[in-house]
Protein backbone atom coordinates (compact mmCIF):
# COMPACT_ATOMS: atom_id res chain seq x y z
CA MET A 1 7.34 8.98 10.61
CA TYR A 2 6.27 5.79 8.86
CA PHE A 3 3.34 5.26 6.47
CA VAL A 4 1.36 2.26 5.60
CA TYR A 5 -0.18 2.71 2.20
CA VAL A 6 -2.52 1.03 -0.33
CA LEU A 7 -1.88 1.36 -3.99
CA LYS A 8 -4.26 0.53 -6.84
CA SER A 9 -3.07 -0.22 -10.24
CA GLU A 10 -4.60 2.09 -12.84
CA SER A 11 -4.09 -0.65 -15.62
CA SER A 12 -5.49 -3.70 -13.93
CA GLY A 13 -7.33 -2.50 -10.67
CA ARG A 14 -5.11 -4.68 -8.41
CA ARG A 15 -4.34 -3.44 -4.87
CA TYR A 16 -0.95 -3.52 -2.99
CA VAL A 17 -0.39 -2.83 0.70
CA GLY A 18 3.10 -1.67 1.91
CA MET A 19 4.96 0.46 4.25
CA THR A 20 7.76 3.08 4.10
CA ASN A 21 9.40 6.07 5.66
CA ASN A 22 9.22 8.10 2.49
CA LEU A 23 6.07 7.76 0.60
CA GLU A 24 6.94 9.82 -2.56
CA ARG A 25 10.26 7.90 -3.01
CA ARG A 26 8.31 4.57 -2.60
CA LEU A 27 5.59 5.41 -5.03
CA LYS A 28 8.35 6.47 -7.71
CA GLU A 29 9.93 2.97 -7.04
CA HIS A 30 6.70 1.12 -7.66
CA ASN A 31 6.00 3.26 -10.87
CA SER A 32 9.57 2.83 -12.35
CA GLY A 33 9.39 -0.85 -12.25
CA LYS A 34 12.10 -1.35 -9.58
CA MET A 35 9.63 -3.71 -7.49
CA LYS A 36 9.46 -7.12 -8.87
CA SER A 37 5.94 -7.58 -7.23
CA THR A 38 4.42 -4.56 -8.78
CA LYS A 39 6.15 -3.84 -12.00
CA ALA A 40 3.84 -5.81 -14.17
CA PHE A 41 0.85 -3.53 -13.16
CA ILE A 42 2.27 -0.14 -13.67
CA PRO A 43 1.12 2.71 -13.12
CA TRP A 44 0.03 2.77 -9.38
CA GLU A 45 -1.72 5.38 -7.49
CA ILE A 46 -2.05 5.96 -3.74
CA ILE A 47 -5.53 5.32 -2.57
CA TYR A 48 -5.06 5.07 1.20
CA THR A 49 -2.44 5.94 3.85
CA GLU A 50 -2.02 5.89 7.61
CA ASN A 51 0.74 7.50 9.56
CA TYR A 52 2.77 5.81 12.41
CA SER A 53 5.41 7.17 14.66
CA ASN A 54 7.67 4.02 14.57
CA ARG A 55 8.44 1.13 12.27
CA THR A 56 7.04 -1.61 14.53
CA GLU A 57 3.61 -0.13 14.67
CA ALA A 58 3.70 0.42 10.91
CA ARG A 59 4.82 -3.12 10.19
CA GLU A 60 2.08 -4.62 12.40
CA ARG A 61 -0.65 -2.66 10.66
CA GLU A 62 0.77 -3.56 7.16
CA LYS A 63 0.58 -7.28 8.28
CA TYR A 64 -2.98 -6.81 9.46
CA LEU A 65 -4.11 -4.88 6.25
CA LYS A 66 -2.72 -7.81 4.18
CA SER A 67 -4.78 -10.30 6.05
CA SER A 68 -8.27 -11.43 5.41
CA ALA A 69 -9.52 -9.25 8.35
CA GLY A 70 -7.60 -6.32 7.14
CA ARG A 71 -9.15 -6.68 3.64
CA ARG A 72 -12.47 -6.74 5.33
CA TYR A 73 -11.67 -3.56 7.10
CA LEU A 74 -10.59 -1.89 3.88
CA ARG A 75 -14.02 -2.93 2.37
CA THR A 76 -15.92 -1.42 5.18
CA ILE A 77 -14.42 2.04 4.57
CA ASN A 78 -14.74 1.63 0.91
CA ILE A 79 -11.10 1.49 0.04
CA ILE A 80 -11.35 -1.79 -1.82
CA SER A 81 -14.23 -3.60 -3.35
């Protein structure tokens, strides 16, 4: 099982989209400062997830949510403003 997730920084309000096969571990990595792209905006909280049965589908969805069309989709379901 793979997860596509959206995080929100509690300190800055920034959003981050990613994918993983272990959501709890990945959130701990983001909040421990191990990830260069997110360590400046700790702490993070999960605000949205989607489940996929394989890595390929999850990666395609992650790429979509990072695109402008994906950001528009997240706005329509009130995940981001």
